[in-house]
Each structure stands twice: as C-alpha cells, then as structure tokens.
Amino acid sequence: MLPDFLSAEGERRCRRLLAGATARYRARPAAAAVLVPLCLVRGTPALLYTLRSSRLAGKHKGEVSFLCLPSFPGGKCDPTDRDVVHTALRETLEEVGLLVSEQHVWGILQPVSDQQKFTVVPVLASVGPLDPQSLRPNREEVDEVFALPLAHLLQAQNRGYTHFCQRDHSQYTLPVFLHGPHRIWGLTAIITEFTLHLLAPGIYQPCLAGVRLPRS
C-alpha cells in the first residue's frame, strides 16, 4: 500500500529534510528554476507537467535545455526575482495560469545541470486538488498540461533507463518514465527521480548514483 504523500505528516517530513538545501540554494544565483507541483487529480496524488511549445525552440535556442520537452513549469531567473522560489512561482503563473502561494512551497530539491552547465533549481510545492484541463496555459510557451499519478511513476514497468557513452569513454545512466501521454526524460526525469525518492524512499530506488535523501 502506498503512503499518503499529501498527509500533514508527510509534508512535515519533506519540509524537514529539505530545510538545509532550501536555506543553501534559495538565495544562490541560478540560471533557471522550475516548480514541481504535487497535486491531487480526482483524489489521486500526481505530479503536474507541461509540454513546452515548439515555438520557443528558435527564441531560446542554446539557452534552456528543457525546452520543447515534457517539463515542469518554470524558466529563466529574472533580475527582478527575489530568489529561485519567486522565479518558479512567477513562471508557473505566467505559463499555466496557476497561482501558488509561497506558504505551499515545501522546499528546494537538488539543482540539476545539463551538458552546457545550465543549472536548474527545482522547487517542490503542494498545489492541492487540481483539474489539469481547467488550466489556461499560455499557448506561446506551453502546448499541453498533463498530470501523472505518483502510483504510475512508482511502478517498475513504467520506468526505464538510458545509458550514454561519451567520447572520453566515460558512461552515465539517466532515468526515463514511460507509458504516460508523453515520455519523461532529460532533466525533467532527473528531477522526477529526486522527487519520488524524497516522497517514497522505501519504495522508489533511484538509478542515479548521487541520489541520496537530504539529512534533516
């Protein structure tokens, strides 16, 4: 039986575990931030994703590695943003019309970087009951909004791994999440893996060697 991911006890546990990273990364400069929206869809705990518009590819070419992929709502840090949490909340409102209060932010997950050293800071928040079809995304930035239940993401048959070998013969493995409306891969899959390991440490076993639960 899966735990109650959105229980008050579960929230307190996650906030406690993320407190150190939140204090460490919140005020630190970053290229971009995304919101990892933990929601209830028809009573089922889920993560909310966006499919970014292909129209952004030329506009931001070489700038944001997660464009045109299934992603979490978010984007580049603006000089007027107070911190990465403000960036994630602002971008979420601009992209999908979802207003999230800062009090619903649980904390900051481990930042991730692409091969161009573009660093993205994930901000975990509980956004409550939600119907993805009721959202009004900005069509200049987002083609689709969809949710994947945590139970789906945690099932072994819906997970895979991609192995890469670089020119210097070094190798690495990245997670892939399958059998949803869109394949979750790249930085979004890494952030998803961090999130699942935080929410269900006894159930989800990450493939990334560096994934460890933060210490309270």
N, C-alpha and C. Protein backbone atom coordinates (compact mmCIF):
# COMPACT_ATOMS: atom_id res chain seq x y z
N MET A 1 0.84 -1.20 0.00
CA MET A 1 0.00 0.00 0.00
C MET A 1 0.88 1.25 0.00
N LEU A 2 0.56 2.21 -0.87
CA LEU A 2 1.36 3.41 -0.97
C LEU A 2 1.05 4.35 0.18
N PRO A 3 2.04 5.11 0.63
CA PRO A 3 1.81 6.07 1.71
C PRO A 3 0.95 7.23 1.24
N ASP A 4 0.41 7.99 2.20
CA ASP A 4 -0.35 9.19 1.89
C ASP A 4 0.65 10.33 1.68
N PHE A 5 0.96 10.57 0.41
CA PHE A 5 2.01 11.53 0.07
C PHE A 5 1.67 12.95 0.51
N LEU A 6 0.38 13.26 0.59
CA LEU A 6 -0.03 14.63 0.90
C LEU A 6 -0.50 14.80 2.33
N SER A 7 -0.20 13.85 3.17
CA SER A 7 -0.60 13.96 4.57
C SER A 7 0.20 15.05 5.26
N ALA A 8 -0.33 15.56 6.38
CA ALA A 8 0.39 16.57 7.15
C ALA A 8 1.72 16.03 7.64
N GLU A 9 1.73 14.76 8.02
CA GLU A 9 2.97 14.14 8.48
C GLU A 9 4.00 14.05 7.36
N GLY A 10 3.52 13.67 6.15
CA GLY A 10 4.41 13.60 5.01
C GLY A 10 4.98 14.96 4.63
N GLU A 11 4.14 15.98 4.72
CA GLU A 11 4.61 17.34 4.42
C GLU A 11 5.66 17.78 5.42
N ARG A 12 5.42 17.55 6.71
CA ARG A 12 6.39 17.94 7.73
C ARG A 12 7.72 17.23 7.51
N ARG A 13 7.65 15.96 7.17
CA ARG A 13 8.87 15.18 6.92
C ARG A 13 9.66 15.78 5.75
N CYS A 14 8.99 16.08 4.64
CA CYS A 14 9.66 16.62 3.47
C CYS A 14 10.24 18.00 3.75
N ARG A 15 9.47 18.83 4.44
CA ARG A 15 9.97 20.17 4.77
C ARG A 15 11.22 20.08 5.64
N ARG A 16 11.20 19.15 6.58
CA ARG A 16 12.35 18.99 7.46
C ARG A 16 13.58 18.53 6.68
N LEU A 17 13.39 17.56 5.79
CA LEU A 17 14.51 17.04 5.02
C LEU A 17 15.06 18.06 4.02
N LEU A 18 14.19 18.93 3.53
CA LEU A 18 14.62 19.91 2.53
C LEU A 18 15.08 21.24 3.13
N ALA A 19 14.96 21.40 4.42
CA ALA A 19 15.26 22.69 5.04
C ALA A 19 16.69 23.13 4.77
N GLY A 20 17.65 22.23 4.87
CA GLY A 20 19.04 22.59 4.64
C GLY A 20 19.30 23.03 3.22
N ALA A 21 18.81 22.26 2.25
CA ALA A 21 19.00 22.62 0.83
C ALA A 21 18.28 23.92 0.50
N THR A 22 17.11 24.12 1.09
CA THR A 22 16.36 25.34 0.83
C THR A 22 17.13 26.56 1.30
N ALA A 23 17.68 26.48 2.50
CA ALA A 23 18.47 27.60 3.01
C ALA A 23 19.73 27.82 2.18
N ARG A 24 20.31 26.74 1.68
CA ARG A 24 21.57 26.81 0.94
C ARG A 24 21.37 27.37 -0.47
N TYR A 25 20.31 26.95 -1.15
CA TYR A 25 20.16 27.28 -2.57
C TYR A 25 19.22 28.45 -2.84
N ARG A 26 18.41 28.82 -1.85
CA ARG A 26 17.38 29.81 -2.14
C ARG A 26 17.93 31.14 -2.63
N ALA A 27 18.94 31.63 -1.97
CA ALA A 27 19.49 32.93 -2.35
C ALA A 27 20.67 32.83 -3.30
N ARG A 28 21.04 31.61 -3.68
CA ARG A 28 22.20 31.43 -4.55
C ARG A 28 21.79 31.70 -6.01
N PRO A 29 22.60 32.42 -6.78
CA PRO A 29 22.25 32.69 -8.17
C PRO A 29 22.11 31.39 -8.97
N ALA A 30 21.15 31.37 -9.88
CA ALA A 30 20.92 30.20 -10.74
C ALA A 30 20.42 30.68 -12.09
N ALA A 31 20.55 29.83 -13.09
CA ALA A 31 20.10 30.20 -14.43
C ALA A 31 18.59 30.13 -14.55
N ALA A 32 17.99 29.10 -13.91
CA ALA A 32 16.56 28.89 -14.06
C ALA A 32 16.02 28.14 -12.85
N ALA A 33 14.69 28.18 -12.71
CA ALA A 33 14.03 27.43 -11.65
C ALA A 33 12.73 26.87 -12.20
N VAL A 34 12.34 25.71 -11.69
CA VAL A 34 11.07 25.10 -12.07
C VAL A 34 10.28 24.77 -10.81
N LEU A 35 8.96 24.76 -10.94
CA LEU A 35 8.11 24.32 -9.85
C LEU A 35 7.76 22.85 -10.09
N VAL A 36 7.91 22.03 -9.06
CA VAL A 36 7.49 20.63 -9.11
C VAL A 36 6.15 20.57 -8.38
N PRO A 37 5.03 20.64 -9.13
CA PRO A 37 3.72 20.75 -8.49
C PRO A 37 3.16 19.38 -8.09
N LEU A 38 3.06 19.17 -6.80
CA LEU A 38 2.44 17.97 -6.25
C LEU A 38 0.96 18.28 -6.07
N CYS A 39 0.09 17.51 -6.76
CA CYS A 39 -1.33 17.86 -6.77
C CYS A 39 -2.20 16.62 -6.57
N LEU A 40 -3.49 16.87 -6.38
CA LEU A 40 -4.49 15.81 -6.31
C LEU A 40 -5.37 15.92 -7.53
N VAL A 41 -5.37 14.88 -8.37
CA VAL A 41 -6.22 14.84 -9.56
C VAL A 41 -7.25 13.75 -9.35
N ARG A 42 -8.51 14.17 -9.18
CA ARG A 42 -9.60 13.24 -8.87
C ARG A 42 -9.24 12.38 -7.65
N GLY A 43 -8.66 13.00 -6.66
CA GLY A 43 -8.33 12.33 -5.42
C GLY A 43 -7.04 11.54 -5.43
N THR A 44 -6.32 11.55 -6.54
CA THR A 44 -5.09 10.77 -6.69
C THR A 44 -3.86 11.68 -6.69
N PRO A 45 -2.88 11.44 -5.81
CA PRO A 45 -1.65 12.25 -5.82
C PRO A 45 -0.92 12.13 -7.16
N ALA A 46 -0.48 13.25 -7.69
CA ALA A 46 0.14 13.27 -9.01
C ALA A 46 1.14 14.41 -9.10
N LEU A 47 1.96 14.37 -10.14
CA LEU A 47 2.84 15.48 -10.48
C LEU A 47 2.33 16.12 -11.76
N LEU A 48 2.38 17.44 -11.81
CA LEU A 48 1.90 18.19 -12.96
C LEU A 48 3.06 18.54 -13.89
N TYR A 49 2.87 18.28 -15.17
CA TYR A 49 3.90 18.55 -16.18
C TYR A 49 3.33 19.45 -17.28
N THR A 50 4.23 20.06 -18.02
CA THR A 50 3.84 20.80 -19.22
C THR A 50 4.60 20.24 -20.42
N LEU A 51 3.99 20.37 -21.58
CA LEU A 51 4.69 20.11 -22.84
C LEU A 51 4.98 21.47 -23.45
N ARG A 52 6.25 21.80 -23.48
CA ARG A 52 6.62 23.15 -23.91
C ARG A 52 6.42 23.33 -25.41
N SER A 53 6.07 24.55 -25.77
CA SER A 53 5.74 24.86 -27.15
C SER A 53 6.98 24.78 -28.05
N SER A 54 6.81 24.18 -29.22
CA SER A 54 7.90 24.11 -30.19
C SER A 54 8.25 25.50 -30.71
N ARG A 55 7.35 26.46 -30.51
CA ARG A 55 7.62 27.83 -30.97
C ARG A 55 8.73 28.50 -30.17
N LEU A 56 9.06 27.94 -29.00
CA LEU A 56 10.13 28.52 -28.18
C LEU A 56 11.51 28.09 -28.63
N ALA A 57 11.61 27.07 -29.47
CA ALA A 57 12.91 26.49 -29.81
C ALA A 57 13.86 27.52 -30.41
N GLY A 58 13.36 28.29 -31.37
CA GLY A 58 14.23 29.27 -32.00
C GLY A 58 14.49 30.47 -31.13
N LYS A 59 13.47 30.84 -30.34
CA LYS A 59 13.56 32.03 -29.50
C LYS A 59 14.63 31.90 -28.43
N HIS A 60 14.75 30.68 -27.87
CA HIS A 60 15.69 30.49 -26.77
C HIS A 60 16.76 29.45 -27.11
N LYS A 61 17.04 29.28 -28.36
CA LYS A 61 17.96 28.22 -28.78
C LYS A 61 19.29 28.32 -28.03
N GLY A 62 19.74 27.18 -27.50
CA GLY A 62 21.01 27.14 -26.80
C GLY A 62 20.95 27.70 -25.40
N GLU A 63 19.74 28.08 -24.95
CA GLU A 63 19.64 28.74 -23.66
C GLU A 63 19.03 27.84 -22.60
N VAL A 64 17.93 27.21 -22.92
CA VAL A 64 17.21 26.40 -21.95
C VAL A 64 17.09 24.99 -22.47
N SER A 65 17.79 24.07 -21.84
CA SER A 65 17.91 22.73 -22.37
C SER A 65 16.62 21.94 -22.31
N PHE A 66 15.66 22.34 -21.44
CA PHE A 66 14.46 21.54 -21.31
C PHE A 66 13.32 22.05 -22.18
N LEU A 67 13.56 23.01 -23.08
CA LEU A 67 12.51 23.48 -23.96
C LEU A 67 12.07 22.38 -24.92
N CYS A 68 10.79 22.44 -25.31
CA CYS A 68 10.20 21.52 -26.28
C CYS A 68 10.12 20.08 -25.76
N LEU A 69 10.31 19.90 -24.46
CA LEU A 69 10.21 18.59 -23.85
C LEU A 69 9.12 18.62 -22.79
N PRO A 70 8.61 17.44 -22.40
CA PRO A 70 7.80 17.43 -21.18
C PRO A 70 8.65 17.99 -20.04
N SER A 71 8.10 18.92 -19.32
CA SER A 71 8.87 19.61 -18.30
C SER A 71 7.96 20.01 -17.15
N PHE A 72 8.55 20.53 -16.11
CA PHE A 72 7.80 21.20 -15.07
C PHE A 72 7.70 22.67 -15.44
N PRO A 73 6.65 23.36 -14.98
CA PRO A 73 6.56 24.79 -15.30
C PRO A 73 7.73 25.55 -14.68
N GLY A 74 8.27 26.48 -15.43
CA GLY A 74 9.41 27.24 -14.93
C GLY A 74 10.17 27.88 -16.07
N GLY A 75 11.27 28.53 -15.73
CA GLY A 75 12.07 29.18 -16.76
C GLY A 75 13.21 29.97 -16.16
N LYS A 76 13.73 30.88 -16.96
CA LYS A 76 14.92 31.64 -16.58
C LYS A 76 14.64 32.56 -15.40
N CYS A 77 15.66 32.71 -14.56
CA CYS A 77 15.59 33.66 -13.45
C CYS A 77 15.69 35.08 -13.99
N ASP A 78 14.79 35.92 -13.53
CA ASP A 78 14.77 37.31 -13.93
C ASP A 78 15.51 38.15 -12.88
N PRO A 79 16.22 39.20 -13.30
CA PRO A 79 16.94 40.04 -12.33
C PRO A 79 16.03 40.62 -11.25
N THR A 80 14.74 40.76 -11.54
CA THR A 80 13.81 41.33 -10.55
C THR A 80 13.27 40.27 -9.59
N ASP A 81 13.54 38.98 -9.83
CA ASP A 81 13.07 37.93 -8.93
C ASP A 81 13.82 38.01 -7.61
N ARG A 82 13.10 37.81 -6.51
CA ARG A 82 13.75 37.86 -5.20
C ARG A 82 14.70 36.68 -5.00
N ASP A 83 14.28 35.51 -5.49
CA ASP A 83 15.08 34.30 -5.35
C ASP A 83 14.52 33.24 -6.28
N VAL A 84 15.05 32.02 -6.23
CA VAL A 84 14.62 30.97 -7.15
C VAL A 84 13.18 30.52 -6.87
N VAL A 85 12.73 30.61 -5.62
CA VAL A 85 11.35 30.27 -5.32
C VAL A 85 10.41 31.24 -6.03
N HIS A 86 10.74 32.52 -5.97
CA HIS A 86 9.94 33.53 -6.66
C HIS A 86 9.94 33.28 -8.17
N THR A 87 11.08 32.89 -8.72
CA THR A 87 11.15 32.58 -10.15
C THR A 87 10.20 31.45 -10.50
N ALA A 88 10.24 30.35 -9.74
CA ALA A 88 9.40 29.20 -10.03
C ALA A 88 7.92 29.54 -9.94
N LEU A 89 7.53 30.30 -8.92
CA LEU A 89 6.12 30.66 -8.75
C LEU A 89 5.66 31.63 -9.84
N ARG A 90 6.51 32.59 -10.17
CA ARG A 90 6.17 33.56 -11.22
C ARG A 90 6.00 32.88 -12.57
N GLU A 91 6.95 32.02 -12.91
CA GLU A 91 6.90 31.34 -14.20
C GLU A 91 5.69 30.41 -14.28
N THR A 92 5.33 29.77 -13.18
CA THR A 92 4.17 28.88 -13.18
C THR A 92 2.89 29.66 -13.46
N LEU A 93 2.77 30.82 -12.84
CA LEU A 93 1.60 31.67 -13.10
C LEU A 93 1.58 32.14 -14.55
N GLU A 94 2.73 32.53 -15.07
CA GLU A 94 2.79 33.03 -16.44
C GLU A 94 2.52 31.92 -17.46
N GLU A 95 3.02 30.73 -17.18
CA GLU A 95 2.93 29.65 -18.17
C GLU A 95 1.59 28.94 -18.18
N VAL A 96 1.08 28.61 -16.99
CA VAL A 96 -0.14 27.79 -16.94
C VAL A 96 -1.28 28.45 -16.18
N GLY A 97 -1.09 29.68 -15.70
CA GLY A 97 -2.16 30.38 -15.01
C GLY A 97 -2.45 29.85 -13.63
N LEU A 98 -1.49 29.15 -13.04
CA LEU A 98 -1.69 28.55 -11.71
C LEU A 98 -0.98 29.42 -10.67
N LEU A 99 -1.79 30.00 -9.78
CA LEU A 99 -1.25 30.84 -8.71
C LEU A 99 -0.98 29.97 -7.49
N VAL A 100 0.28 29.90 -7.10
CA VAL A 100 0.70 29.08 -5.96
C VAL A 100 1.27 30.00 -4.89
N SER A 101 0.73 29.90 -3.69
CA SER A 101 1.22 30.71 -2.59
C SER A 101 2.56 30.17 -2.09
N GLU A 102 3.41 31.07 -1.65
CA GLU A 102 4.72 30.66 -1.15
C GLU A 102 4.60 29.75 0.07
N GLN A 103 3.52 29.86 0.83
CA GLN A 103 3.35 29.02 2.01
C GLN A 103 3.15 27.54 1.65
N HIS A 104 2.82 27.27 0.38
CA HIS A 104 2.63 25.90 -0.06
C HIS A 104 3.92 25.27 -0.61
N VAL A 105 5.00 26.04 -0.60
CA VAL A 105 6.30 25.51 -1.04
C VAL A 105 6.90 24.68 0.08
N TRP A 106 7.25 23.43 -0.23
CA TRP A 106 7.83 22.53 0.76
C TRP A 106 9.34 22.70 0.87
N GLY A 107 9.98 23.09 -0.22
CA GLY A 107 11.42 23.27 -0.17
C GLY A 107 12.06 23.13 -1.53
N ILE A 108 13.37 23.19 -1.54
CA ILE A 108 14.16 23.13 -2.78
C ILE A 108 14.87 21.78 -2.87
N LEU A 109 14.72 21.15 -4.03
CA LEU A 109 15.40 19.89 -4.31
C LEU A 109 16.81 20.16 -4.85
N GLN A 110 17.57 19.11 -5.02
CA GLN A 110 18.94 19.23 -5.53
C GLN A 110 18.93 19.84 -6.94
N PRO A 111 19.66 20.93 -7.19
CA PRO A 111 19.74 21.51 -8.53
C PRO A 111 20.33 20.53 -9.54
N VAL A 112 19.96 20.69 -10.80
CA VAL A 112 20.46 19.84 -11.87
C VAL A 112 21.07 20.71 -12.96
N SER A 113 22.02 20.15 -13.69
CA SER A 113 22.69 20.89 -14.77
C SER A 113 22.76 20.03 -16.02
N ASP A 114 22.69 20.69 -17.18
CA ASP A 114 22.84 19.97 -18.43
C ASP A 114 24.30 20.00 -18.86
N GLN A 115 24.56 19.50 -20.07
CA GLN A 115 25.94 19.40 -20.54
C GLN A 115 26.56 20.78 -20.79
N GLN A 116 25.72 21.80 -20.94
CA GLN A 116 26.24 23.16 -21.13
C GLN A 116 26.37 23.89 -19.79
N LYS A 117 26.24 23.15 -18.69
CA LYS A 117 26.36 23.70 -17.33
C LYS A 117 25.25 24.69 -17.01
N PHE A 118 24.10 24.52 -17.66
CA PHE A 118 22.93 25.34 -17.39
C PHE A 118 22.22 24.74 -16.18
N THR A 119 22.19 25.48 -15.07
CA THR A 119 21.69 24.95 -13.80
C THR A 119 20.22 25.31 -13.59
N VAL A 120 19.43 24.29 -13.25
CA VAL A 120 18.00 24.46 -12.99
C VAL A 120 17.74 24.06 -11.54
N VAL A 121 17.05 24.92 -10.80
CA VAL A 121 16.73 24.64 -9.39
C VAL A 121 15.26 24.21 -9.29
N PRO A 122 14.99 22.99 -8.81
CA PRO A 122 13.61 22.52 -8.65
C PRO A 122 13.04 22.94 -7.29
N VAL A 123 11.83 23.46 -7.32
CA VAL A 123 11.13 23.91 -6.11
C VAL A 123 9.88 23.05 -5.94
N LEU A 124 9.81 22.29 -4.86
CA LEU A 124 8.67 21.40 -4.62
C LEU A 124 7.57 22.13 -3.87
N ALA A 125 6.33 22.00 -4.38
CA ALA A 125 5.18 22.65 -3.73
C ALA A 125 3.95 21.78 -3.87
N SER A 126 3.08 21.85 -2.89
CA SER A 126 1.79 21.18 -2.95
C SER A 126 0.75 22.19 -3.40
N VAL A 127 0.08 21.90 -4.52
CA VAL A 127 -0.88 22.86 -5.09
C VAL A 127 -2.32 22.42 -4.87
N GLY A 128 -2.53 21.29 -4.17
CA GLY A 128 -3.88 20.87 -3.80
C GLY A 128 -4.64 20.22 -4.94
N PRO A 129 -5.97 20.08 -4.76
CA PRO A 129 -6.81 19.47 -5.81
C PRO A 129 -6.75 20.29 -7.09
N LEU A 130 -6.67 19.57 -8.21
CA LEU A 130 -6.45 20.27 -9.48
C LEU A 130 -7.00 19.45 -10.63
N ASP A 131 -7.63 20.13 -11.58
CA ASP A 131 -8.02 19.52 -12.84
C ASP A 131 -7.15 20.15 -13.92
N PRO A 132 -6.17 19.40 -14.47
CA PRO A 132 -5.28 19.99 -15.47
C PRO A 132 -6.01 20.59 -16.66
N GLN A 133 -7.19 20.04 -16.99
CA GLN A 133 -7.94 20.55 -18.14
C GLN A 133 -8.55 21.91 -17.87
N SER A 134 -8.63 22.31 -16.60
CA SER A 134 -9.22 23.61 -16.27
C SER A 134 -8.21 24.74 -16.37
N LEU A 135 -6.92 24.40 -16.48
CA LEU A 135 -5.89 25.42 -16.57
C LEU A 135 -5.90 26.07 -17.94
N ARG A 136 -5.47 27.31 -17.99
CA ARG A 136 -5.42 28.06 -19.24
C ARG A 136 -3.96 28.44 -19.54
N PRO A 137 -3.22 27.50 -20.14
CA PRO A 137 -1.79 27.77 -20.38
C PRO A 137 -1.58 28.84 -21.44
N ASN A 138 -0.44 29.50 -21.33
CA ASN A 138 -0.01 30.46 -22.33
C ASN A 138 0.45 29.69 -23.56
N ARG A 139 -0.30 29.76 -24.64
CA ARG A 139 -0.02 28.94 -25.82
C ARG A 139 1.26 29.35 -26.53
N GLU A 140 1.80 30.50 -26.20
CA GLU A 140 3.10 30.87 -26.77
C GLU A 140 4.23 30.08 -26.11
N GLU A 141 3.96 29.53 -24.93
CA GLU A 141 5.00 28.84 -24.18
C GLU A 141 4.69 27.36 -23.92
N VAL A 142 3.41 27.02 -23.85
CA VAL A 142 3.02 25.67 -23.45
C VAL A 142 1.97 25.12 -24.42
N ASP A 143 2.21 23.92 -24.93
CA ASP A 143 1.25 23.26 -25.81
C ASP A 143 0.24 22.43 -25.04
N GLU A 144 0.64 21.91 -23.89
CA GLU A 144 -0.24 20.97 -23.18
C GLU A 144 0.15 20.93 -21.70
N VAL A 145 -0.84 20.71 -20.85
CA VAL A 145 -0.62 20.48 -19.42
C VAL A 145 -1.20 19.11 -19.09
N PHE A 146 -0.43 18.28 -18.39
CA PHE A 146 -0.92 16.94 -18.05
C PHE A 146 -0.34 16.52 -16.71
N ALA A 147 -0.99 15.54 -16.08
CA ALA A 147 -0.56 15.04 -14.77
C ALA A 147 -0.29 13.55 -14.87
N LEU A 148 0.69 13.08 -14.11
CA LEU A 148 0.98 11.66 -13.99
C LEU A 148 0.86 11.26 -12.53
N PRO A 149 0.01 10.28 -12.22
CA PRO A 149 -0.13 9.85 -10.82
C PRO A 149 1.19 9.33 -10.27
N LEU A 150 1.43 9.58 -9.00
CA LEU A 150 2.64 9.08 -8.36
C LEU A 150 2.66 7.55 -8.40
N ALA A 151 1.50 6.93 -8.27
CA ALA A 151 1.44 5.46 -8.34
C ALA A 151 1.93 4.96 -9.69
N HIS A 152 1.61 5.67 -10.76
CA HIS A 152 2.09 5.30 -12.10
C HIS A 152 3.60 5.44 -12.20
N LEU A 153 4.12 6.56 -11.70
CA LEU A 153 5.56 6.81 -11.78
C LEU A 153 6.36 5.82 -10.94
N LEU A 154 5.76 5.30 -9.88
CA LEU A 154 6.47 4.39 -8.98
C LEU A 154 6.45 2.95 -9.47
N GLN A 155 5.61 2.63 -10.44
CA GLN A 155 5.55 1.25 -10.93
C GLN A 155 6.77 0.94 -11.80
N ALA A 156 7.40 -0.19 -11.51
CA ALA A 156 8.65 -0.56 -12.21
C ALA A 156 8.44 -0.66 -13.72
N GLN A 157 7.28 -1.13 -14.16
CA GLN A 157 7.06 -1.30 -15.61
C GLN A 157 6.93 0.03 -16.34
N ASN A 158 6.79 1.13 -15.60
CA ASN A 158 6.68 2.44 -16.23
C ASN A 158 7.98 3.23 -16.17
N ARG A 159 9.05 2.56 -15.75
CA ARG A 159 10.35 3.22 -15.65
C ARG A 159 11.37 2.51 -16.53
N GLY A 160 12.29 3.27 -17.05
CA GLY A 160 13.39 2.70 -17.83
C GLY A 160 14.64 3.53 -17.60
N TYR A 161 15.72 3.11 -18.24
CA TYR A 161 16.98 3.81 -18.07
C TYR A 161 17.69 3.89 -19.42
N THR A 162 18.32 5.02 -19.67
CA THR A 162 19.08 5.21 -20.89
C THR A 162 20.56 5.32 -20.52
N HIS A 163 21.38 4.52 -21.19
CA HIS A 163 22.82 4.52 -20.91
C HIS A 163 23.54 5.30 -22.00
N PHE A 164 24.45 6.16 -21.59
CA PHE A 164 25.19 7.01 -22.52
C PHE A 164 26.68 6.74 -22.37
N CYS A 165 27.38 6.77 -23.51
CA CYS A 165 28.83 6.64 -23.51
C CYS A 165 29.40 7.84 -24.24
N GLN A 166 30.24 8.61 -23.56
CA GLN A 166 30.80 9.82 -24.14
C GLN A 166 32.09 9.53 -24.89
N ARG A 167 32.59 10.54 -25.59
CA ARG A 167 33.78 10.37 -26.42
C ARG A 167 35.00 9.99 -25.60
N ASP A 168 35.02 10.43 -24.34
CA ASP A 168 36.17 10.06 -23.50
C ASP A 168 35.97 8.70 -22.83
N HIS A 169 34.93 7.99 -23.31
CA HIS A 169 34.61 6.63 -22.85
C HIS A 169 33.99 6.58 -21.45
N SER A 170 33.73 7.75 -20.88
CA SER A 170 33.00 7.74 -19.61
C SER A 170 31.53 7.41 -19.89
N GLN A 171 30.87 6.82 -18.93
CA GLN A 171 29.49 6.39 -19.11
C GLN A 171 28.61 6.93 -17.99
N TYR A 172 27.34 7.13 -18.31
CA TYR A 172 26.39 7.53 -17.28
C TYR A 172 25.00 7.03 -17.67
N THR A 173 24.12 6.96 -16.69
CA THR A 173 22.78 6.43 -16.87
C THR A 173 21.76 7.46 -16.39
N LEU A 174 20.70 7.64 -17.16
CA LEU A 174 19.64 8.56 -16.80
C LEU A 174 18.30 7.84 -16.80
N PRO A 175 17.39 8.25 -15.92
CA PRO A 175 16.07 7.60 -15.88
C PRO A 175 15.16 8.09 -17.01
N VAL A 176 14.20 7.26 -17.35
CA VAL A 176 13.14 7.60 -18.30
C VAL A 176 11.84 7.06 -17.73
N PHE A 177 10.77 7.84 -17.81
CA PHE A 177 9.46 7.41 -17.33
C PHE A 177 8.54 7.24 -18.52
N LEU A 178 7.94 6.05 -18.62
CA LEU A 178 7.25 5.61 -19.83
C LEU A 178 5.75 5.42 -19.60
N HIS A 179 5.05 5.21 -20.72
CA HIS A 179 3.64 4.77 -20.75
C HIS A 179 2.65 5.81 -20.26
N GLY A 180 3.06 7.06 -20.22
CA GLY A 180 2.13 8.15 -19.98
C GLY A 180 1.80 8.81 -21.31
N PRO A 181 1.12 9.95 -21.29
CA PRO A 181 0.83 10.65 -22.56
C PRO A 181 2.09 11.11 -23.28
N HIS A 182 3.17 11.33 -22.50
CA HIS A 182 4.45 11.72 -23.08
C HIS A 182 5.57 11.06 -22.28
N ARG A 183 6.66 10.75 -22.96
CA ARG A 183 7.81 10.17 -22.29
C ARG A 183 8.55 11.25 -21.50
N ILE A 184 8.84 10.97 -20.23
CA ILE A 184 9.54 11.92 -19.37
C ILE A 184 11.01 11.56 -19.37
N TRP A 185 11.85 12.47 -19.82
CA TRP A 185 13.28 12.18 -19.90
C TRP A 185 14.07 13.47 -19.66
N GLY A 186 15.38 13.39 -19.82
CA GLY A 186 16.23 14.57 -19.65
C GLY A 186 16.23 15.08 -18.22
N LEU A 187 16.41 16.39 -18.08
CA LEU A 187 16.44 16.99 -16.75
C LEU A 187 15.14 16.77 -15.99
N THR A 188 14.03 16.74 -16.72
CA THR A 188 12.73 16.54 -16.06
C THR A 188 12.67 15.17 -15.41
N ALA A 189 13.22 14.16 -16.06
CA ALA A 189 13.23 12.81 -15.46
C ALA A 189 14.13 12.77 -14.23
N ILE A 190 15.25 13.48 -14.27
CA ILE A 190 16.14 13.51 -13.11
C ILE A 190 15.43 14.17 -11.92
N ILE A 191 14.74 15.28 -12.17
CA ILE A 191 14.01 15.96 -11.09
C ILE A 191 12.88 15.07 -10.59
N THR A 192 12.22 14.38 -11.50
CA THR A 192 11.16 13.44 -11.09
C THR A 192 11.73 12.36 -10.19
N GLU A 193 12.90 11.85 -10.53
CA GLU A 193 13.54 10.83 -9.71
C GLU A 193 13.87 11.37 -8.32
N PHE A 194 14.42 12.57 -8.24
CA PHE A 194 14.69 13.18 -6.93
C PHE A 194 13.41 13.26 -6.10
N THR A 195 12.32 13.68 -6.75
CA THR A 195 11.04 13.86 -6.06
C THR A 195 10.49 12.54 -5.54
N LEU A 196 10.52 11.51 -6.35
CA LEU A 196 10.00 10.21 -5.94
C LEU A 196 10.82 9.62 -4.80
N HIS A 197 12.13 9.82 -4.87
CA HIS A 197 12.98 9.29 -3.81
C HIS A 197 12.71 10.00 -2.49
N LEU A 198 12.38 11.29 -2.56
CA LEU A 198 12.04 12.04 -1.35
C LEU A 198 10.70 11.59 -0.79
N LEU A 199 9.70 11.43 -1.68
CA LEU A 199 8.35 11.12 -1.23
C LEU A 199 8.19 9.67 -0.81
N ALA A 200 8.90 8.76 -1.47
CA ALA A 200 8.71 7.33 -1.22
C ALA A 200 10.06 6.62 -1.15
N PRO A 201 10.88 6.93 -0.16
CA PRO A 201 12.24 6.38 -0.12
C PRO A 201 12.29 4.87 0.05
N GLY A 202 11.30 4.29 0.67
CA GLY A 202 11.31 2.84 0.84
C GLY A 202 10.73 2.09 -0.34
N ILE A 203 10.16 2.82 -1.28
CA ILE A 203 9.51 2.21 -2.43
C ILE A 203 10.30 2.44 -3.71
N TYR A 204 10.75 3.69 -3.90
CA TYR A 204 11.46 4.04 -5.13
C TYR A 204 12.97 3.92 -4.95
N GLN A 205 13.60 3.17 -5.83
CA GLN A 205 15.05 3.02 -5.81
C GLN A 205 15.63 3.75 -7.02
N PRO A 206 16.34 4.86 -6.80
CA PRO A 206 16.85 5.66 -7.92
C PRO A 206 17.98 4.97 -8.66
N CYS A 207 18.10 5.32 -9.95
CA CYS A 207 19.20 4.76 -10.75
C CYS A 207 20.43 5.64 -10.67
N LEU A 208 20.27 6.91 -10.31
CA LEU A 208 21.40 7.83 -10.28
C LEU A 208 22.22 7.59 -9.02
N ALA A 209 23.52 7.42 -9.20
CA ALA A 209 24.39 7.07 -8.08
C ALA A 209 24.44 8.17 -7.02
N GLY A 210 24.26 9.42 -7.44
CA GLY A 210 24.38 10.52 -6.50
C GLY A 210 23.11 10.90 -5.77
N VAL A 211 22.03 10.14 -5.99
CA VAL A 211 20.76 10.48 -5.36
C VAL A 211 20.73 9.95 -3.94
N ARG A 212 20.71 10.87 -2.98
CA ARG A 212 20.59 10.49 -1.58
C ARG A 212 19.61 11.43 -0.91
N LEU A 213 18.89 10.91 0.05
CA LEU A 213 17.98 11.77 0.80
C LEU A 213 18.77 12.78 1.60
N PRO A 214 18.32 14.05 1.60
CA PRO A 214 18.99 15.03 2.45
C PRO A 214 18.78 14.67 3.91
N ARG A 215 19.71 15.09 4.73
CA ARG A 215 19.60 14.83 6.17
C ARG A 215 18.92 16.00 6.85
N SER A 216 18.03 15.65 7.76
CA SER A 216 17.32 16.71 8.49
C SER A 216 18.24 17.39 9.47
